[in-house]
Every structure is written in C-alpha cells, then in structure tokens.
C-alpha cells in the first residue's frame, strides 16, 4: 500500500489565501469580496497587494453576492468569501437568482464549514451546504482535502467558466498531497489501490480514509481509497470502475448524509450498478459546541468510524 506523508498540519483556509495571493499576480481580472472576515478567510495578502481589487462589503452577504454577479458583466472574476453558513444558507436566494439562474461566473468560497468549526457551535456548523449548492443547476461544487489541494483548486477555478462553490475549513489538518499537484475539476484521485472495498472520501475525511486503509490492511483487507474533491460534477467513471472491482462502498464526508457525497453516489449506483453502501456522515442532525476532535468522535466522522463502516459493508457483501 502506498504511504502518504503528512508534511505538517495546516488549515485549508490558508491554502485558499495562498491561492488568492498567487491569482492576484497572474489573473488581473480576479477580484475578491469579503463580508467583514478578511483575516478569517486569509485574504490579508491579497488585500494588501491588490487593494484596487479587494472589496470589503461588511456584514451584508446578500449585497456581496449581488455585487459579485454584477462584476462578472464587466469581465471580472469575483471570489465572494465568507463563512460557509453565511455564504450559502443566509444568501441562498441571491445565489439562486443572481448567480446560478443566470450562469454568472462567480466563485463562492466558504471557510469554517462542518463540525470542525468546533466551539462556535451548531448555528455556525453548517452541514447541509454541499446539498444546497449541488442542487443548483450549473453550480460546480468542490471540497478539497488539505492545504495544497485547496490552493490548487482556488487557482484552477479562475479558468473555469461558470459558478463554483469552493468549501474549506478552519482547523489545522494533515497536508499530504503534492505541493504542485494539478487540480482537475471533476476528476477523482485514486490514492490507494484495493480490491475488497471502495472508500470514497471528501474534504477532511480523506486523511482519515487513508489511516483507515492502513488499519484495514493489517487485517488483510485491501481498501481502495479515492479522493472525491469534486462533488459536482461527480467522476462517474472512476467510481463505477472501482465498484465493478470491489462490489461495495463506504462514503465519507463532514456533512449530513442527506444531500451530500454519499447521496450522489447512491443515485449513481442505483442507475448503473447497485451495491451495498455505508455512510460515514452526520445523521440528519445539527452539531454542538466542542473541540473538532471531540465532535468528530461523537458524530462518527473519524478513522475508527470508517473502519467500522467498512466492516459493516463487508458483512453484507
């Protein structure tokens, strides 16, 4: 089994900030809008180096989305940024009407998603944002796994024509993908080859999936691990090819099992090749206050939970 090395824990939102700083130097049409969260979104360098292309909208997210949509008419590539809860739930109507319906080239970039927001609690820990965004026609939905991949995704979406939702997080997590790796929208990444079970993971759960694969290998179970960084469009071919080999699947995400990656995979399998599936996700619930590690343990979103899900699905196989 291929081993992955953690080059150091760092938050994925810093990958977004690094990507924006690079875009500022290479893409003169890229502009950044922020709803009074410049530091939290790691946009300080972009704002300092490109003040004429940085717009502080204040705590007025609906206005920010409208401004971003308008800027595209003049050829700009706006990155509208806030916490995931505010960037999706609070402004869903504006995104639907002003961005998705008219196909505007707006990049909605959201930090502090999921349970790993931690102590800020249930009101800020949005666990339904992927579902909200993937249901919008024409919306691309991306959920990278670490600093390097978030930086690469931030840069890549500038050249993609159309609305994008890019989700990342607050906590420091392992950074294990290639520093200069190419990011291809809609193209899943095979991390570990296996023949007994397919593990499809996204975001923070990818590292846990790799840890689970190592534990399973010690027990003689060969797990195939695939990084599904793009929720929409889904890489149907990669998933179906893997399922054809393993005949069972575990999906892993820091999101409600309703509306997320697992549901998309279920729909794909139902139409093409039904097999047994287990979900590692929150079970139709809100979060609560606690450290990220405590919450991931309580809600079953960690390495142990993935191993248990694999055992359950193999028992059905």
Protein backbone atom coordinates (compact mmCIF):
# COMPACT_ATOMS: atom_id res chain seq x y z
CA UNK A 1 0.00 0.00 0.00
CA UNK A 2 1.26 3.45 -0.90
CA UNK A 3 2.12 5.52 2.16
CA UNK A 4 1.29 9.21 2.42
CA UNK A 5 3.39 11.58 4.49
CA UNK A 6 1.95 14.45 6.45
CA UNK A 7 4.20 17.43 5.75
CA UNK A 8 2.66 19.31 8.67
CA UNK A 9 -0.78 20.26 9.92
CA UNK A 10 -2.20 23.47 8.46
CA UNK A 11 -5.69 24.82 7.88
CA UNK A 12 -7.24 24.55 4.43
CA UNK A 13 -8.39 28.19 4.56
CA UNK A 14 -4.71 29.15 4.44
CA UNK A 15 -4.50 27.20 1.19
CA UNK A 16 -7.26 29.43 -0.14
CA UNK A 17 -5.37 32.53 0.96
CA UNK A 18 -2.18 31.32 -0.71
CA UNK A 19 -4.08 30.57 -3.90
CA UNK A 20 -5.68 34.01 -3.92
CA UNK A 21 -2.31 35.69 -3.42
CA UNK A 22 -0.95 33.82 -6.43
CA UNK A 23 -4.02 34.60 -8.53
CA UNK A 24 -3.57 38.26 -7.72
CA UNK A 25 -0.25 38.16 -9.53
CA UNK A 26 -1.33 36.09 -12.53
CA UNK A 27 -5.00 36.92 -13.19
CA UNK A 28 -5.70 40.64 -13.37
CA UNK A 29 -9.46 40.09 -13.70
CA UNK A 30 -9.72 38.24 -10.37
CA UNK A 31 -11.30 40.35 -7.62
CA UNK A 32 -12.06 39.40 -4.02
CA UNK A 33 -15.10 40.36 -1.97
CA UNK A 34 -15.30 39.68 1.74
CA UNK A 35 -18.09 40.07 4.31
CA UNK A 36 -16.02 41.50 7.17
CA UNK A 37 -13.90 38.36 7.59
CA UNK A 38 -10.65 39.24 5.85
CA UNK A 39 -8.39 37.62 8.44
CA UNK A 40 -10.52 34.53 8.84
CA UNK A 41 -10.53 33.96 5.08
CA UNK A 42 -6.76 34.58 4.90
CA UNK A 43 -7.18 37.41 2.39
CA UNK A 44 -4.82 39.87 4.06
CA UNK A 45 -2.05 39.40 1.49
CA UNK A 46 -4.42 39.79 -1.46
CA UNK A 47 -5.96 42.90 0.09
CA UNK A 48 -2.53 44.40 0.81
CA UNK A 49 -1.01 43.64 -2.58
CA UNK A 50 -4.09 44.37 -4.70
CA UNK A 51 -6.19 46.93 -2.82
CA UNK A 52 -7.91 48.09 -6.01
CA UNK A 53 -9.27 44.56 -6.48
CA UNK A 54 -10.38 43.91 -2.90
CA UNK A 55 -13.86 44.88 -1.76
CA UNK A 56 -14.86 44.81 1.89
CA UNK A 57 -18.66 44.57 1.81
CA UNK A 58 -19.26 44.42 5.54
CA UNK A 59 -21.73 42.05 7.17
CA UNK A 60 -24.03 42.21 4.15
CA UNK A 61 -23.66 38.88 2.40
CA UNK A 62 -26.71 39.31 0.16
CA UNK A 63 -25.30 42.55 -1.18
CA UNK A 64 -21.92 40.87 -1.66
CA UNK A 65 -23.44 38.18 -3.90
CA UNK A 66 -25.30 40.81 -5.92
CA UNK A 67 -22.12 42.85 -6.33
CA UNK A 68 -20.20 39.77 -7.43
CA UNK A 69 -22.85 38.88 -10.01
CA UNK A 70 -22.73 42.40 -11.40
CA UNK A 71 -18.95 42.42 -11.64
CA UNK A 72 -19.00 39.44 -13.99
CA UNK A 73 -20.82 41.54 -16.57
CA UNK A 74 -17.72 43.69 -16.84
CA UNK A 75 -15.48 40.66 -17.29
CA UNK A 76 -14.26 40.36 -13.72
CA UNK A 77 -13.85 37.02 -11.96
CA UNK A 78 -15.23 37.66 -8.47
CA UNK A 79 -14.39 35.47 -5.49
CA UNK A 80 -17.14 36.10 -2.91
CA UNK A 81 -16.00 34.90 0.51
CA UNK A 82 -17.47 34.28 3.95
CA UNK A 83 -18.10 31.50 6.46
CA UNK A 84 -19.91 28.56 4.85
CA UNK A 85 -23.07 29.12 6.88
CA UNK A 86 -23.35 32.72 5.71
CA UNK A 87 -22.06 32.10 2.19
CA UNK A 88 -24.81 29.57 1.42
CA UNK A 89 -27.73 29.44 3.86
CA UNK A 90 -28.02 33.16 4.50
CA UNK A 91 -27.87 34.14 0.83
CA UNK A 92 -29.38 31.15 -0.96
CA UNK A 93 -32.00 33.24 -2.74
CA UNK A 94 -29.39 35.65 -4.10
CA UNK A 95 -27.16 32.78 -5.25
CA UNK A 96 -30.06 31.04 -6.94
CA UNK A 97 -31.49 34.09 -8.67
CA UNK A 98 -28.46 36.30 -9.40
CA UNK A 99 -25.73 33.71 -9.89
CA UNK A 100 -26.97 30.21 -10.77
CA UNK A 101 -30.10 31.10 -12.76
CA UNK A 102 -28.18 33.47 -15.00
CA UNK A 103 -24.99 31.39 -15.09
CA UNK A 104 -22.77 34.14 -13.70
CA UNK A 105 -19.05 33.44 -13.37
CA UNK A 106 -18.99 33.89 -9.57
CA UNK A 107 -16.77 31.83 -7.27
CA UNK A 108 -18.39 31.40 -3.86
CA UNK A 109 -15.58 30.48 -1.46
CA UNK A 110 -16.56 29.37 2.01
CA UNK A 111 -14.50 28.68 5.11
CA UNK A 112 -15.41 27.33 8.56
CA UNK A 113 -17.61 24.53 7.18
CA UNK A 114 -18.75 21.44 9.05
CA UNK A 115 -18.31 20.19 12.61
CA UNK A 116 -14.62 21.08 12.71
CA UNK A 117 -15.58 24.71 13.18
CA UNK A 118 -15.69 23.46 16.76
CA UNK A 119 -16.56 25.67 19.68
CA UNK A 120 -18.66 28.14 17.65
CA UNK A 121 -21.44 25.57 17.78
CA UNK A 122 -24.46 24.42 15.82
CA UNK A 123 -25.54 27.83 14.49
CA UNK A 124 -22.28 28.14 12.55
CA UNK A 125 -21.51 24.47 11.79
CA UNK A 126 -23.38 24.15 8.54
CA UNK A 127 -23.74 20.51 7.50
CA UNK A 128 -26.09 20.97 4.57
CA UNK A 129 -24.17 23.41 2.34
CA UNK A 130 -22.97 20.82 -0.18
CA UNK A 131 -26.56 19.73 -0.72
CA UNK A 132 -27.80 23.29 -1.10
CA UNK A 133 -25.15 24.10 -3.68
CA UNK A 134 -25.16 20.86 -5.69
CA UNK A 135 -28.92 21.16 -6.29
CA UNK A 136 -28.47 24.44 -8.14
CA UNK A 137 -28.34 23.86 -11.91
CA UNK A 138 -24.92 24.64 -13.37
CA UNK A 139 -23.18 25.00 -9.99
CA UNK A 140 -19.81 23.25 -9.65
CA UNK A 141 -19.14 22.04 -6.08
CA UNK A 142 -15.60 21.43 -4.79
CA UNK A 143 -14.45 20.22 -1.37
CA UNK A 144 -10.62 19.81 -1.23
CA UNK A 145 -8.82 17.77 1.41
CA UNK A 146 -5.76 19.75 2.53
CA UNK A 147 -3.76 22.98 2.17
CA UNK A 148 -2.07 22.03 -1.10
CA UNK A 149 -5.24 20.87 -2.79
CA UNK A 150 -7.21 23.90 -1.61
CA UNK A 151 -4.57 26.21 -3.04
CA UNK A 152 -4.59 24.32 -6.35
CA UNK A 153 -8.39 24.34 -6.50
CA UNK A 154 -8.53 28.08 -5.77
CA UNK A 155 -6.26 28.74 -8.72
CA UNK A 156 -7.96 26.25 -11.04
CA UNK A 157 -11.49 27.62 -10.70
CA UNK A 158 -10.38 31.00 -12.06
CA UNK A 159 -10.14 29.39 -15.51
CA UNK A 160 -13.48 27.61 -15.19
CA UNK A 161 -16.36 29.48 -16.78
CA UNK A 162 -19.44 29.38 -14.57
CA UNK A 163 -20.48 29.47 -10.92
CA UNK A 164 -18.44 27.49 -8.39
CA UNK A 165 -18.85 26.66 -4.71
CA UNK A 166 -15.47 26.03 -3.05
CA UNK A 167 -15.63 24.71 0.53
CA UNK A 168 -12.76 24.61 3.03
CA UNK A 169 -12.21 24.71 6.77
CA UNK A 170 -10.83 26.27 9.91
CA UNK A 171 -8.81 23.59 11.76
CA UNK A 172 -5.25 22.55 11.10
CA UNK A 173 -5.29 19.19 9.31
CA UNK A 174 -2.63 16.98 7.70
CA UNK A 175 -1.14 18.33 4.48
CA UNK A 176 -0.26 15.32 2.35
CA UNK A 177 -0.99 15.94 -1.34
CA UNK A 178 1.66 17.12 -3.78
CA UNK A 179 2.68 20.75 -3.35
CA UNK A 180 2.49 21.43 -7.08
CA UNK A 181 -0.19 18.90 -7.92
CA UNK A 182 -2.53 19.65 -10.81
CA UNK A 183 -6.16 20.19 -9.89
CA UNK A 184 -8.65 18.96 -12.45
CA UNK A 185 -12.29 19.76 -11.77
CA UNK A 186 -14.45 16.64 -11.82
CA UNK A 187 -11.53 14.21 -11.88
CA UNK A 188 -11.28 11.98 -8.80
CA UNK A 189 -7.86 10.99 -7.48
CA UNK A 190 -7.01 7.36 -6.79
CA UNK A 191 -4.86 7.37 -3.67
CA UNK A 192 -4.76 3.67 -2.77
CA UNK A 193 -5.49 0.65 -4.95
CA UNK A 194 -7.58 -2.11 -3.42
CA UNK A 195 -9.91 -4.97 -4.28
CA UNK A 196 -12.13 -5.59 -1.23
CA UNK A 197 -13.95 -2.29 -0.63
CA UNK A 198 -14.08 1.18 -2.14
CA UNK A 199 -13.72 4.15 0.21
CA UNK A 200 -14.86 7.42 -1.36
CA UNK A 201 -13.87 10.37 0.81
CA UNK A 202 -14.01 14.13 0.51
CA UNK A 203 -12.56 17.08 2.44
CA UNK A 204 -11.17 16.47 5.91
CA UNK A 205 -12.24 12.82 5.80
CA UNK A 206 -9.70 11.91 3.09
CA UNK A 207 -6.82 11.69 5.55
CA UNK A 208 -8.94 9.59 7.91
CA UNK A 209 -9.76 7.29 4.98
CA UNK A 210 -6.04 6.77 4.37
CA UNK A 211 -5.49 5.97 8.03
CA UNK A 212 -8.40 3.54 7.92
CA UNK A 213 -6.94 1.82 4.86
CA UNK A 214 -3.69 1.24 6.74
CA UNK A 215 -5.53 -0.31 9.69
CA UNK A 216 -7.60 -2.47 7.38
CA UNK A 217 -4.53 -3.68 5.50
CA UNK A 218 -3.11 -5.00 8.77
CA UNK A 219 -6.24 -7.17 8.98
CA UNK A 220 -5.84 -8.39 5.42
CA UNK A 221 -8.49 -6.10 3.93
CA UNK A 222 -7.47 -4.22 0.79
CA UNK A 223 -9.33 -0.94 0.62
CA UNK A 224 -9.33 1.28 -2.44
CA UNK A 225 -9.28 4.95 -1.41
CA UNK A 226 -10.45 7.65 -3.81
CA UNK A 227 -10.36 11.38 -3.12
CA UNK A 228 -13.63 12.85 -4.41
CA UNK A 229 -12.68 16.51 -4.26
CA UNK A 230 -15.39 17.49 -6.75
CA UNK A 231 -18.89 16.66 -5.56
CA UNK A 232 -20.42 18.05 -8.74
CA UNK A 233 -19.72 17.07 -11.45
CA UNK A 234 -19.08 13.66 -9.96
CA UNK A 235 -16.45 11.44 -11.56
CA UNK A 236 -18.91 8.70 -12.52
CA UNK A 237 -16.35 6.67 -14.45
CA UNK A 238 -13.82 6.48 -11.62
CA UNK A 239 -16.48 5.44 -9.11
CA UNK A 240 -18.13 2.83 -11.30
CA UNK A 241 -14.82 1.30 -12.33
CA UNK A 242 -13.83 0.91 -8.70
CA UNK A 243 -17.21 -0.52 -7.68
CA UNK A 244 -17.01 -3.04 -10.51
CA UNK A 245 -13.90 -4.38 -8.82
CA UNK A 246 -14.78 -4.18 -5.10
CA UNK A 247 -18.60 -4.61 -5.16
CA UNK A 248 -19.18 -2.44 -2.06
CA UNK A 249 -18.56 1.14 -0.99
CA UNK A 250 -18.18 3.44 2.01
CA UNK A 251 -18.69 7.18 1.50
CA UNK A 252 -17.09 9.61 3.94
CA UNK A 253 -17.90 13.30 4.40
CA UNK A 254 -18.14 16.04 7.02
CA UNK A 255 -21.73 16.72 6.04
CA UNK A 256 -25.25 15.41 6.53
CA UNK A 257 -25.73 12.05 4.81
CA UNK A 258 -28.79 13.67 3.23
CA UNK A 259 -27.75 15.75 0.24
CA UNK A 260 -24.02 15.15 0.32
CA UNK A 261 -21.46 12.99 -1.45
CA UNK A 262 -23.00 9.73 -0.24
CA UNK A 263 -26.39 10.58 -1.67
CA UNK A 264 -24.86 11.48 -5.04
CA UNK A 265 -23.02 8.16 -5.09
CA UNK A 266 -26.21 6.30 -4.18
CA UNK A 267 -28.02 7.88 -7.11
CA UNK A 268 -25.19 6.96 -9.46
CA UNK A 269 -25.16 3.35 -8.28
CA UNK A 270 -28.93 2.99 -8.37
CA UNK A 271 -28.94 3.89 -12.05
CA UNK A 272 -25.88 1.87 -13.05
CA UNK A 273 -24.65 -0.79 -10.64
CA UNK A 274 -26.38 -1.16 -7.25
CA UNK A 275 -24.08 -2.45 -4.49
CA UNK A 276 -24.05 -2.28 -0.71
CA UNK A 277 -23.12 1.15 0.68
CA UNK A 278 -22.36 2.52 4.14
CA UNK A 279 -22.32 6.22 5.03
CA UNK A 280 -19.82 8.00 7.27
CA UNK A 281 -21.58 11.33 7.72
CA UNK A 282 -23.78 13.14 10.23
CA UNK A 283 -27.17 11.53 10.70
CA UNK A 284 -29.71 14.27 9.99
CA UNK A 285 -28.64 16.36 12.96
CA UNK A 286 -27.23 19.73 13.92
CA UNK A 287 -23.86 19.94 15.65
CA UNK A 288 -22.91 21.39 19.03
CA UNK A 289 -20.03 23.14 20.75
CA UNK A 290 -16.81 21.23 21.38
CA UNK A 291 -13.31 20.78 20.06
CA UNK A 292 -13.08 19.49 16.48
CA UNK A 293 -11.67 16.16 17.68
CA UNK A 294 -14.41 15.72 20.27
CA UNK A 295 -17.12 16.44 17.73
CA UNK A 296 -15.68 14.20 15.03
CA UNK A 297 -15.56 11.40 17.60
CA UNK A 298 -19.10 11.96 18.89
CA UNK A 299 -20.67 12.22 15.44
CA UNK A 300 -18.69 9.32 13.97
CA UNK A 301 -16.50 11.16 11.48
CA UNK A 302 -13.03 9.74 12.06
CA UNK A 303 -10.73 6.84 11.27
CA UNK A 304 -12.40 4.48 13.72
CA UNK A 305 -15.82 5.19 12.19
CA UNK A 306 -14.56 4.45 8.68
CA UNK A 307 -13.07 1.13 9.76
CA UNK A 308 -16.36 0.20 11.43
CA UNK A 309 -18.32 1.18 8.29
CA UNK A 310 -16.04 -0.98 6.16
CA UNK A 311 -16.62 -3.95 8.46
CA UNK A 312 -20.37 -3.43 8.25
CA UNK A 313 -20.44 -3.24 4.46
CA UNK A 314 -18.16 -6.26 4.08
CA UNK A 315 -20.50 -8.25 6.32
CA UNK A 316 -23.32 -7.56 3.86
CA UNK A 317 -21.27 -8.25 0.74
